[in-house]
Amino acid sequence: MESQSHAAASKQPIKKRKPRLAAIEYIRGISMMGVIAIHVGSQYIGNPAANIHLIALLEIVSRFSVPIFFFISAFGLFYNLDIHEPFHASYFYTRRAKTVLIPYVVWSLFYLLHDGILYGTGFPDPLHLLSTLFFGTAKYQLYFLVIMLWFYLLMPLWIWIVRRIGIKGLFTLLLLQIAFDDWSSFSVSLNTFTYGLPDGSVLKPFLMYRLNYWVLHYVFIFVLGGWLAVHIDAFRKFMQKRRVGITLFFWASMLALLAFYYRLIFKQGYTALEAINTAHQLSPEGIFYTLASCLFFFTIFTYQKYPSFLNPVLHQLGRHSYFAYLVHPFFIGYAALFLQGHGILMTAGSTIVFYFVILALSMLAAALCRALGTHLPLLNELTIGAYPKKKRNPDA
């Protein structure tokens, strides 16, 4: 009996979980809304007369959405992890395979089959299928899961760093992050070399799709999330004491990123598309905006500095954010085909309606799938990695 208990413990470490943090769930929902805004903006920007201010709202103000996912993912991982205890690799990787890898493959195959039939492109051959899965190119939102899987794979490294890093180390890491992202995003020599490679080059896709799998683009924000989770008590005190400063930092960083966007358009003659492809989350202004957003949203959701009636809405947005994130391109595609078929141009007004329709359809689909999954557990297991909770044996 004792040997069986030890064996079970080696497979699944049992410990008391810390109190749930609503902020993580709420931020997840806000981030999902931001990602949908970015992708709706990509549809709207095709209008030659698109309103640059609405584009700024959809494409610039929402730029924290993807990197903040890495922040809260790391926070959630390290919040319930004792970094001074042995790392249970088999248990950790098994869970992440269930919650991320399987849904990633399922959704990738779904989009490849669906788009192949809808657009007549067919299903890729085995070699191109492997390439598509590696780079996360089956659909434009799926690359996030690829980067997340690489973060999970390197979890022992992040634990090692979080154990040893301090305030000065985090500041140094921030500076290195700014330098690396600036090089990866704006280096003329790197881009000239990449696009100068022949189409048949094995190296070319690894460089062209570097944003899809190089975790180095988001190391700082991930490590920061883990470090703050480990130092949660000090973080709470910091948020409470510096709430005003955090709020000012958030608005100042947003204005700085918007100023960068408008400067590119009005001073340097960029098109709106060129401007949003430059004033993004990996620019120095974007990195500071991401940092400020992480602190700001965690602060307001921790100390409830907003009307409490919003909590049920935020809860539902967070609860269904994973499925909504994965499914929303499906609805965007059909909504865009509907507009094209009826000769409806995406004006500013129709784009706003378009956004809320996509959000509503994505949330509705998520809720229906989640409800159906209570009767068909395999549905939730394959689409969002949610498994039925096992009943605890009172005699165990």
Protein backbone atom coordinates (compact mmCIF):
# COMPACT_ATOMS: atom_id res chain seq x y z
CA MET A 1 0.00 0.00 0.00
CA GLU A 2 2.80 2.39 0.88
CA SER A 3 4.71 1.60 -2.32
CA GLN A 4 1.55 2.31 -4.36
CA SER A 5 1.20 5.72 -2.70
CA HIS A 6 4.79 6.59 -3.49
CA ALA A 7 4.29 5.51 -7.10
CA ALA A 8 1.20 7.66 -7.45
CA ALA A 9 2.98 10.63 -5.94
CA SER A 10 5.81 10.27 -8.43
CA LYS A 11 3.32 10.47 -11.30
CA GLN A 12 1.21 13.31 -9.95
CA PRO A 13 2.47 15.49 -7.12
CA ILE A 14 -0.39 16.23 -4.74
CA LYS A 15 -0.41 19.51 -2.89
CA LYS A 16 -2.86 22.12 -1.77
CA ARG A 17 -3.55 24.65 -4.50
CA LYS A 18 -3.32 28.34 -3.74
CA PRO A 19 -6.43 30.55 -3.81
CA ARG A 20 -7.78 31.22 -7.28
CA LEU A 21 -6.79 34.56 -8.82
CA ALA A 22 -9.68 36.10 -10.73
CA ALA A 23 -7.25 38.53 -12.40
CA ILE A 24 -5.73 35.73 -14.49
CA GLU A 25 -9.13 34.67 -15.84
CA TYR A 26 -10.26 38.24 -16.47
CA ILE A 27 -7.05 39.18 -18.29
CA ARG A 28 -7.42 36.09 -20.46
CA GLY A 29 -10.85 37.30 -21.56
CA ILE A 30 -9.68 40.86 -22.24
CA SER A 31 -6.76 39.50 -24.26
CA MET A 32 -9.04 37.32 -26.38
CA MET A 33 -11.15 40.38 -27.19
CA GLY A 34 -8.00 42.24 -28.19
CA VAL A 35 -6.83 39.46 -30.51
CA ILE A 36 -10.21 39.45 -32.26
CA ALA A 37 -9.93 43.23 -32.64
CA ILE A 38 -6.54 42.87 -34.34
CA HIS A 39 -7.86 40.30 -36.80
CA VAL A 40 -11.00 42.32 -37.54
CA GLY A 41 -8.72 45.29 -38.13
CA SER A 42 -6.83 43.22 -40.70
CA GLN A 43 -10.11 42.85 -42.61
CA TYR A 44 -10.98 46.54 -42.34
CA ILE A 45 -7.59 47.80 -43.44
CA GLY A 46 -8.32 46.44 -46.90
CA ASN A 47 -10.64 49.43 -47.37
CA PRO A 48 -8.55 52.12 -49.13
CA ALA A 49 -10.53 54.78 -47.26
CA ALA A 50 -10.22 53.09 -43.87
CA ASN A 51 -10.35 55.42 -40.88
CA ILE A 52 -6.84 55.52 -39.43
CA HIS A 53 -8.19 56.25 -35.94
CA LEU A 54 -10.38 53.15 -35.92
CA ILE A 55 -7.38 51.18 -37.19
CA ALA A 56 -5.41 52.60 -34.26
CA LEU A 57 -8.08 51.33 -31.86
CA LEU A 58 -8.25 47.87 -33.40
CA GLU A 59 -4.59 47.35 -34.25
CA ILE A 60 -2.54 49.51 -31.87
CA VAL A 61 -4.48 49.76 -28.60
CA SER A 62 -4.98 45.97 -28.70
CA ARG A 63 -1.27 45.20 -29.23
CA PHE A 64 -0.76 43.97 -25.67
CA SER A 65 -3.12 41.06 -26.34
CA VAL A 66 -0.73 38.35 -27.52
CA PRO A 67 2.26 38.96 -25.22
CA ILE A 68 0.04 39.36 -22.15
CA PHE A 69 -1.09 35.77 -22.77
CA PHE A 70 2.50 34.67 -22.18
CA PHE A 71 2.59 36.73 -19.00
CA ILE A 72 -0.54 35.19 -17.47
CA SER A 73 0.42 31.71 -18.67
CA ALA A 74 3.74 31.97 -16.84
CA PHE A 75 2.04 33.52 -13.83
CA GLY A 76 -0.43 30.63 -13.63
CA LEU A 77 2.32 28.03 -13.99
CA PHE A 78 4.60 29.48 -11.33
CA TYR A 79 1.82 30.52 -8.96
CA ASN A 80 1.08 26.86 -8.17
CA LEU A 81 4.67 25.69 -8.48
CA ASP A 82 7.27 25.36 -5.74
CA ILE A 83 10.43 26.25 -7.63
CA HIS A 84 12.60 24.80 -4.85
CA GLU A 85 11.04 21.35 -5.18
CA PRO A 86 12.06 18.81 -7.85
CA PHE A 87 10.47 19.44 -11.24
CA HIS A 88 8.01 16.62 -12.07
CA ALA A 89 8.72 16.57 -15.80
CA SER A 90 6.54 13.62 -16.84
CA TYR A 91 3.48 15.01 -15.02
CA PHE A 92 4.06 18.55 -16.35
CA TYR A 93 4.59 17.57 -19.98
CA THR A 94 1.68 15.14 -19.97
CA ARG A 95 -0.66 17.87 -18.76
CA ARG A 96 0.61 20.41 -21.29
CA ALA A 97 0.29 17.89 -24.11
CA LYS A 98 -3.35 17.39 -23.15
CA THR A 99 -4.20 21.07 -22.71
CA VAL A 100 -2.23 22.58 -25.60
CA LEU A 101 -0.59 20.09 -27.98
CA ILE A 102 -3.67 17.97 -28.70
CA PRO A 103 -6.00 20.97 -29.22
CA TYR A 104 -3.33 22.59 -31.40
CA VAL A 105 -3.13 19.56 -33.70
CA VAL A 106 -6.91 19.15 -33.77
CA TRP A 107 -7.57 22.78 -34.69
CA SER A 108 -4.76 22.78 -37.24
CA LEU A 109 -6.23 19.74 -38.98
CA PHE A 110 -9.69 21.28 -38.81
CA TYR A 111 -8.58 24.49 -40.53
CA LEU A 112 -6.50 22.64 -43.11
CA LEU A 113 -9.44 20.42 -44.04
CA HIS A 114 -12.00 23.23 -43.90
CA ASP A 115 -9.96 25.78 -45.85
CA GLY A 116 -8.80 23.15 -48.33
CA ILE A 117 -12.42 22.39 -49.20
CA LEU A 118 -13.73 25.98 -49.01
CA TYR A 119 -10.96 27.58 -51.05
CA GLY A 120 -10.11 24.57 -53.20
CA THR A 121 -6.50 24.35 -52.03
CA GLY A 122 -6.68 20.73 -50.95
CA PHE A 123 -4.92 19.05 -48.04
CA PRO A 124 -1.11 19.38 -47.83
CA ASP A 125 1.17 16.43 -48.48
CA PRO A 126 2.91 14.86 -45.44
CA LEU A 127 6.07 16.99 -45.74
CA HIS A 128 4.15 20.27 -46.00
CA LEU A 129 1.82 19.12 -43.22
CA LEU A 130 4.78 18.66 -40.87
CA SER A 131 6.11 22.08 -41.86
CA THR A 132 2.69 23.65 -41.28
CA LEU A 133 2.38 22.09 -37.83
CA PHE A 134 5.93 23.05 -36.86
CA PHE A 135 5.51 26.71 -37.80
CA GLY A 136 1.86 27.06 -36.81
CA THR A 137 0.67 28.27 -40.21
CA ALA A 138 -2.56 26.26 -40.56
CA LYS A 139 -4.36 29.44 -39.46
CA TYR A 140 -3.05 32.84 -38.51
CA GLN A 141 -3.83 32.63 -34.77
CA LEU A 142 -2.35 29.18 -34.15
CA TYR A 143 1.30 30.28 -34.01
CA PHE A 144 0.66 31.39 -30.43
CA LEU A 145 0.22 27.77 -29.36
CA VAL A 146 3.48 26.82 -31.07
CA ILE A 147 5.41 29.42 -29.08
CA MET A 148 3.58 28.35 -25.94
CA LEU A 149 4.63 24.75 -26.51
CA TRP A 150 8.25 25.82 -26.83
CA PHE A 151 7.94 27.72 -23.56
CA TYR A 152 6.57 24.58 -21.91
CA LEU A 153 9.32 22.43 -23.40
CA LEU A 154 11.94 24.75 -21.89
CA MET A 155 10.26 24.92 -18.48
CA PRO A 156 13.33 23.67 -16.53
CA LEU A 157 15.28 26.62 -17.97
CA TRP A 158 12.62 29.14 -16.85
CA ILE A 159 12.56 27.63 -13.36
CA TRP A 160 16.35 27.93 -13.19
CA ILE A 161 16.19 31.59 -14.25
CA VAL A 162 13.31 32.55 -11.94
CA ARG A 163 15.12 30.96 -8.99
CA ARG A 164 18.16 33.17 -9.52
CA ILE A 165 17.02 36.41 -11.13
CA GLY A 166 16.37 39.62 -9.19
CA ILE A 167 15.26 43.17 -9.95
CA LYS A 168 18.57 44.09 -11.62
CA GLY A 169 18.49 40.88 -13.63
CA LEU A 170 14.95 41.60 -14.81
CA PHE A 171 15.97 45.11 -15.86
CA THR A 172 18.92 43.69 -17.80
CA LEU A 173 16.65 41.10 -19.40
CA LEU A 174 14.28 43.91 -20.45
CA LEU A 175 17.11 45.77 -22.17
CA LEU A 176 18.25 42.59 -23.91
CA GLN A 177 14.66 41.94 -24.98
CA ILE A 178 14.36 45.39 -26.53
CA ALA A 179 17.65 44.93 -28.39
CA PHE A 180 16.80 41.44 -29.67
CA ASP A 181 13.26 42.32 -30.78
CA ASP A 182 14.52 45.45 -32.51
CA TRP A 183 17.08 43.36 -34.40
CA SER A 184 14.60 40.63 -35.33
CA SER A 185 11.90 43.09 -36.41
CA PHE A 186 13.82 45.93 -38.05
CA SER A 187 17.26 44.63 -39.10
CA VAL A 188 17.67 45.45 -42.79
CA SER A 189 20.55 43.00 -43.19
CA LEU A 190 18.58 40.13 -41.59
CA ASN A 191 15.52 40.72 -43.75
CA THR A 192 17.63 41.20 -46.89
CA PHE A 193 19.40 37.91 -46.20
CA THR A 194 16.13 36.09 -45.42
CA TYR A 195 14.20 37.20 -48.49
CA GLY A 196 17.28 36.80 -50.67
CA LEU A 197 17.42 33.07 -50.00
CA PRO A 198 16.13 30.88 -52.83
CA ASP A 199 12.58 29.56 -52.41
CA GLY A 200 13.87 26.00 -52.15
CA SER A 201 16.24 26.83 -49.30
CA VAL A 202 15.69 24.79 -46.13
CA LEU A 203 16.78 27.76 -44.01
CA LYS A 204 14.34 30.27 -45.52
CA PRO A 205 11.12 29.19 -43.73
CA PHE A 206 12.97 28.92 -40.41
CA LEU A 207 13.90 32.60 -40.74
CA MET A 208 10.70 33.83 -42.39
CA TYR A 209 8.54 32.29 -39.67
CA ARG A 210 10.84 33.12 -36.77
CA LEU A 211 8.06 35.07 -35.04
CA ASN A 212 6.06 31.86 -34.93
CA TYR A 213 8.44 29.81 -32.80
CA TRP A 214 11.36 31.85 -31.44
CA VAL A 215 10.56 32.15 -27.75
CA LEU A 216 13.33 34.74 -27.48
CA HIS A 217 10.84 37.35 -28.71
CA TYR A 218 8.85 37.04 -25.47
CA VAL A 219 11.31 35.76 -22.87
CA PHE A 220 11.20 38.87 -20.69
CA ILE A 221 7.42 38.99 -20.30
CA PHE A 222 7.24 35.24 -19.61
CA VAL A 223 10.00 35.32 -16.99
CA LEU A 224 8.44 38.43 -15.43
CA GLY A 225 5.11 36.62 -15.09
CA GLY A 226 6.78 33.66 -13.39
CA TRP A 227 8.90 35.87 -11.13
CA LEU A 228 5.93 37.96 -9.96
CA ALA A 229 3.93 34.79 -9.25
CA VAL A 230 6.73 33.44 -7.06
CA HIS A 231 6.86 36.81 -5.25
CA ILE A 232 3.08 37.24 -5.15
CA ASP A 233 2.98 38.82 -1.67
CA ALA A 234 5.50 41.49 -2.60
CA PHE A 235 3.69 41.99 -5.92
CA ARG A 236 0.39 42.60 -4.11
CA LYS A 237 2.00 45.22 -1.90
CA PHE A 238 3.60 46.86 -4.91
CA MET A 239 0.26 47.03 -6.78
CA GLN A 240 -1.52 48.46 -3.76
CA LYS A 241 1.15 51.06 -3.05
CA ARG A 242 1.88 52.04 -6.66
CA ARG A 243 -1.59 51.83 -8.15
CA VAL A 244 -1.61 55.44 -9.36
CA GLY A 245 1.86 55.13 -10.86
CA ILE A 246 0.92 51.88 -12.60
CA THR A 247 -2.16 53.54 -14.08
CA LEU A 248 -0.16 56.52 -15.33
CA PHE A 249 2.47 54.18 -16.78
CA PHE A 250 -0.24 52.30 -18.67
CA TRP A 251 -1.77 55.40 -20.25
CA ALA A 252 1.60 56.98 -20.99
CA SER A 253 2.86 53.82 -22.72
CA MET A 254 -0.34 53.56 -24.77
CA LEU A 255 0.00 57.18 -25.86
CA ALA A 256 3.66 56.59 -26.76
CA LEU A 257 2.75 53.63 -29.00
CA LEU A 258 -0.09 55.61 -30.60
CA ALA A 259 2.25 58.56 -31.13
CA PHE A 260 4.69 56.21 -32.87
CA TYR A 261 1.88 54.99 -35.15
CA TYR A 262 0.67 58.49 -36.03
CA ARG A 263 4.23 59.74 -36.55
CA LEU A 264 4.84 56.96 -39.07
CA ILE A 265 1.72 58.00 -41.01
CA PHE A 266 1.88 61.80 -40.84
CA LYS A 267 5.63 62.43 -40.66
CA GLN A 268 7.13 59.53 -42.58
CA GLY A 269 4.39 58.86 -45.10
CA TYR A 270 3.66 55.26 -44.11
CA THR A 271 0.42 53.64 -45.14
CA ALA A 272 -1.80 52.40 -42.31
CA LEU A 273 -0.74 48.81 -43.07
CA GLU A 274 2.94 49.74 -43.00
CA ALA A 275 2.43 51.65 -39.76
CA ILE A 276 0.76 48.79 -37.87
CA ASN A 277 3.45 46.41 -39.12
CA THR A 278 6.04 48.72 -37.56
CA ALA A 279 4.35 50.01 -34.40
CA HIS A 280 3.71 46.53 -33.02
CA GLN A 281 4.30 44.68 -29.74
CA LEU A 282 7.96 43.95 -30.50
CA SER A 283 8.91 47.60 -31.03
CA PRO A 284 10.44 49.32 -27.96
CA GLU A 285 7.22 51.28 -27.47
CA GLY A 286 5.23 48.06 -27.80
CA ILE A 287 7.33 46.25 -25.22
CA PHE A 288 6.78 48.99 -22.65
CA TYR A 289 3.06 49.03 -23.48
CA THR A 290 2.91 45.27 -22.88
CA LEU A 291 4.73 45.63 -19.56
CA ALA A 292 2.43 48.45 -18.46
CA SER A 293 -0.67 46.49 -19.54
CA CYS A 294 0.37 43.44 -17.51
CA LEU A 295 0.79 45.53 -14.38
CA PHE A 296 -2.29 47.67 -15.00
CA PHE A 297 -4.82 44.92 -15.68
CA PHE A 298 -3.49 42.74 -12.87
CA THR A 299 -3.83 45.70 -10.50
CA ILE A 300 -7.36 46.75 -11.39
CA PHE A 301 -8.63 43.17 -11.46
CA THR A 302 -6.94 42.37 -8.14
CA TYR A 303 -8.27 45.42 -6.32
CA GLN A 304 -11.59 45.62 -8.19
CA LYS A 305 -11.33 49.27 -9.22
CA TYR A 306 -14.35 49.01 -11.52
CA PRO A 307 -18.09 48.24 -11.18
CA SER A 308 -18.60 44.81 -9.65
CA PHE A 309 -21.47 43.97 -12.04
CA LEU A 310 -18.82 43.47 -14.70
CA ASN A 311 -17.35 40.45 -12.88
CA PRO A 312 -19.82 37.87 -14.28
CA VAL A 313 -19.16 39.18 -17.80
CA LEU A 314 -15.41 39.05 -17.28
CA HIS A 315 -15.73 35.55 -15.86
CA GLN A 316 -17.57 34.29 -18.94
CA LEU A 317 -15.12 35.99 -21.29
CA GLY A 318 -12.22 34.36 -19.46
CA ARG A 319 -13.88 30.97 -19.14
CA HIS A 320 -14.54 30.70 -22.86
CA SER A 321 -11.52 32.65 -24.10
CA TYR A 322 -9.52 29.59 -25.24
CA PHE A 323 -12.21 28.22 -27.56
CA ALA A 324 -13.19 31.71 -28.74
CA TYR A 325 -9.56 32.47 -29.55
CA LEU A 326 -9.24 29.28 -31.58
CA VAL A 327 -12.56 29.50 -33.43
CA HIS A 328 -12.92 33.21 -34.26
CA PRO A 329 -11.07 33.04 -37.65
CA PHE A 330 -13.74 30.55 -38.78
CA PHE A 331 -16.45 33.16 -38.23
CA ILE A 332 -14.34 36.00 -39.61
CA GLY A 333 -13.88 34.03 -42.84
CA TYR A 334 -17.58 33.40 -43.37
CA ALA A 335 -18.59 36.90 -42.31
CA ALA A 336 -16.11 38.36 -44.80
CA LEU A 337 -17.49 36.10 -47.56
CA PHE A 338 -21.01 37.26 -46.67
CA LEU A 339 -20.02 40.91 -46.97
CA GLN A 340 -18.27 40.30 -50.28
CA GLY A 341 -21.20 38.32 -51.65
CA HIS A 342 -23.60 41.14 -50.83
CA GLY A 343 -21.28 43.90 -52.00
CA ILE A 344 -21.03 45.41 -48.53
CA LEU A 345 -17.91 47.50 -47.95
CA MET A 346 -16.35 47.43 -44.50
CA THR A 347 -16.89 51.01 -43.40
CA ALA A 348 -16.08 52.21 -39.90
CA GLY A 349 -19.63 51.54 -38.73
CA SER A 350 -19.95 48.11 -40.30
CA THR A 351 -16.52 47.15 -38.94
CA ILE A 352 -17.61 47.89 -35.37
CA VAL A 353 -20.74 45.77 -35.91
CA PHE A 354 -18.55 43.11 -37.54
CA TYR A 355 -16.34 42.98 -34.45
CA PHE A 356 -19.19 42.46 -32.00
CA VAL A 357 -20.83 39.87 -34.25
CA ILE A 358 -17.59 37.86 -34.39
CA LEU A 359 -17.11 38.16 -30.63
CA ALA A 360 -20.70 37.07 -29.96
CA LEU A 361 -20.55 34.12 -32.37
CA SER A 362 -17.20 32.98 -30.96
CA MET A 363 -18.48 33.15 -27.38
CA LEU A 364 -21.73 31.41 -28.30
CA ALA A 365 -19.89 28.61 -30.05
CA ALA A 366 -17.56 28.27 -27.06
CA ALA A 367 -20.45 28.08 -24.59
CA LEU A 368 -22.38 25.57 -26.69
CA CYS A 369 -19.34 23.38 -27.21
CA ARG A 370 -18.53 23.51 -23.50
CA ALA A 371 -22.11 22.52 -22.61
CA LEU A 372 -22.17 19.72 -25.18
CA GLY A 373 -18.83 18.57 -23.83
CA THR A 374 -20.41 17.72 -20.49
CA HIS A 375 -22.24 14.90 -22.32
CA LEU A 376 -19.47 14.20 -24.84
CA PRO A 377 -16.26 14.78 -22.84
CA LEU A 378 -14.08 13.97 -25.84
CA LEU A 379 -15.27 17.19 -27.50
CA ASN A 380 -13.84 19.39 -24.75
CA GLU A 381 -10.74 17.23 -24.48
CA LEU A 382 -9.90 17.64 -28.16
CA THR A 383 -10.84 21.30 -28.60
CA ILE A 384 -9.71 22.99 -25.38
CA GLY A 385 -7.92 20.30 -23.41
CA ALA A 386 -10.56 20.30 -20.65
CA TYR A 387 -10.98 16.93 -18.97
CA PRO A 388 -13.68 15.80 -16.51
CA LYS A 389 -12.57 16.21 -12.92
CA LYS A 390 -11.78 12.90 -11.31
CA LYS A 391 -13.68 12.11 -8.15
CA ARG A 392 -11.40 11.77 -5.18
CA ASN A 393 -11.47 8.47 -3.34
CA PRO A 394 -12.23 9.24 0.31
CA ASP A 395 -10.44 6.05 1.35
CA ALA A 396 -7.25 6.91 -0.58
